[in-house]
Protein backbone atom coordinates (compact mmCIF):
# COMPACT_ATOMS: atom_id res chain seq x y z
CA UNK A 1 87.27 101.57 99.90
CA UNK A 2 86.87 97.93 100.80
CA UNK A 3 84.05 96.52 102.86
CA UNK A 4 86.43 95.58 105.65
CA UNK A 5 87.83 99.11 105.90
CA UNK A 6 84.34 100.65 106.08
CA UNK A 7 83.38 98.17 108.81
CA UNK A 8 86.59 98.98 110.68
CA UNK A 9 85.91 102.72 110.38
CA UNK A 10 82.38 102.26 111.69
CA UNK A 11 83.64 100.12 114.55
CA UNK A 12 86.22 102.74 115.51
CA UNK A 13 83.66 105.54 115.38
CA UNK A 14 81.33 103.51 117.59
CA UNK A 15 84.11 102.91 120.13
CA UNK A 16 84.85 106.65 120.21
CA UNK A 17 81.14 107.47 120.55
CA UNK A 18 80.79 105.09 123.47
CA UNK A 19 83.84 106.67 125.10
CA UNK A 20 81.96 109.98 124.90
CA UNK A 21 78.98 108.37 126.72
CA UNK A 22 76.89 108.23 123.57
CA UNK A 23 74.80 105.41 125.00
CA UNK A 24 73.54 107.92 127.57
CA UNK A 25 73.41 111.10 125.48
CA UNK A 26 72.59 109.68 122.03
CA UNK A 27 70.98 106.26 122.60
CA UNK A 28 69.02 106.26 119.34
CA UNK A 29 72.07 106.90 117.15
CA UNK A 30 74.26 104.52 119.17
CA UNK A 31 71.73 101.70 118.91
CA UNK A 32 71.30 102.24 115.18
CA UNK A 33 75.06 102.26 114.63
CA UNK A 34 75.41 99.05 116.61
CA UNK A 35 72.61 97.29 114.72
CA UNK A 36 73.78 98.45 111.29
CA UNK A 37 77.31 97.34 112.10
CA UNK A 38 76.13 93.90 113.22
CA UNK A 39 74.10 93.50 110.03
CA UNK A 40 77.05 94.67 107.91
CA UNK A 41 79.22 91.98 109.47
CA UNK A 42 76.52 89.39 108.85
CA UNK A 43 76.20 90.38 105.20
CA UNK A 44 79.98 90.33 104.81
CA UNK A 45 79.98 86.79 106.19
CA UNK A 46 77.53 85.80 103.46
CA UNK A 47 79.76 87.41 100.79
CA UNK A 48 77.22 90.17 100.10
CA UNK A 49 79.90 92.83 100.00
CA UNK A 50 77.95 95.67 98.39
CA UNK A 51 75.17 95.32 100.98
CA UNK A 52 77.71 95.03 103.79
CA UNK A 53 79.51 98.15 102.63
CA UNK A 54 76.29 100.16 102.44
CA UNK A 55 75.23 99.01 105.91
CA UNK A 56 78.66 99.79 107.34
CA UNK A 57 78.51 103.27 105.81
CA UNK A 58 75.18 103.82 107.56
CA UNK A 59 76.67 102.49 110.80
CA UNK A 60 79.57 104.94 110.44
CA UNK A 61 77.18 107.83 109.84
CA UNK A 62 75.12 106.99 112.93
CA UNK A 63 78.20 106.39 115.10
CA UNK A 64 79.66 109.75 114.11
CA UNK A 65 76.32 111.44 114.82
CA UNK A 66 76.19 109.75 118.22
CA UNK A 67 79.68 110.96 119.05
CA UNK A 68 78.87 114.52 118.01
CA UNK A 69 75.59 114.54 119.92
CA UNK A 70 77.21 113.14 123.06
CA UNK A 71 80.02 115.70 122.90
CA UNK A 72 77.52 118.55 122.46
CA UNK A 73 75.38 117.41 125.37
CA UNK A 74 78.28 116.66 127.66
CA UNK A 75 81.34 118.73 126.64
CA UNK A 76 83.53 117.26 129.39
CA UNK A 77 83.66 113.98 127.46
CA UNK A 78 85.11 115.76 124.43
CA UNK A 79 88.40 116.15 126.29
CA UNK A 80 88.37 112.46 127.16
CA UNK A 81 87.78 111.67 123.49
CA UNK A 82 91.36 112.64 122.74
CA UNK A 83 92.54 109.75 124.92
CA UNK A 84 90.77 107.18 122.70
CA UNK A 85 92.97 106.23 119.76
CA UNK A 86 91.44 106.76 116.34
CA UNK A 87 91.75 103.99 113.79
């Protein structure tokens, strides 16, 4: 998997998590995903691809956790999640 694809996956997971109101129901995980993703993009810009890929993988993990946590705490958003296209 390339660095760009991992960053794109993390970005998509974060978009889906936000659509499920993760900022309200999983603020810790959402914030971590956002920060890890920003740092991954920064490292990619400096051609530190291994570091960027590892950071993006962490961002993906936190974004997915945020989405799960938000859906568990507020099941009504899980139905809305289907309306958000997955990348």
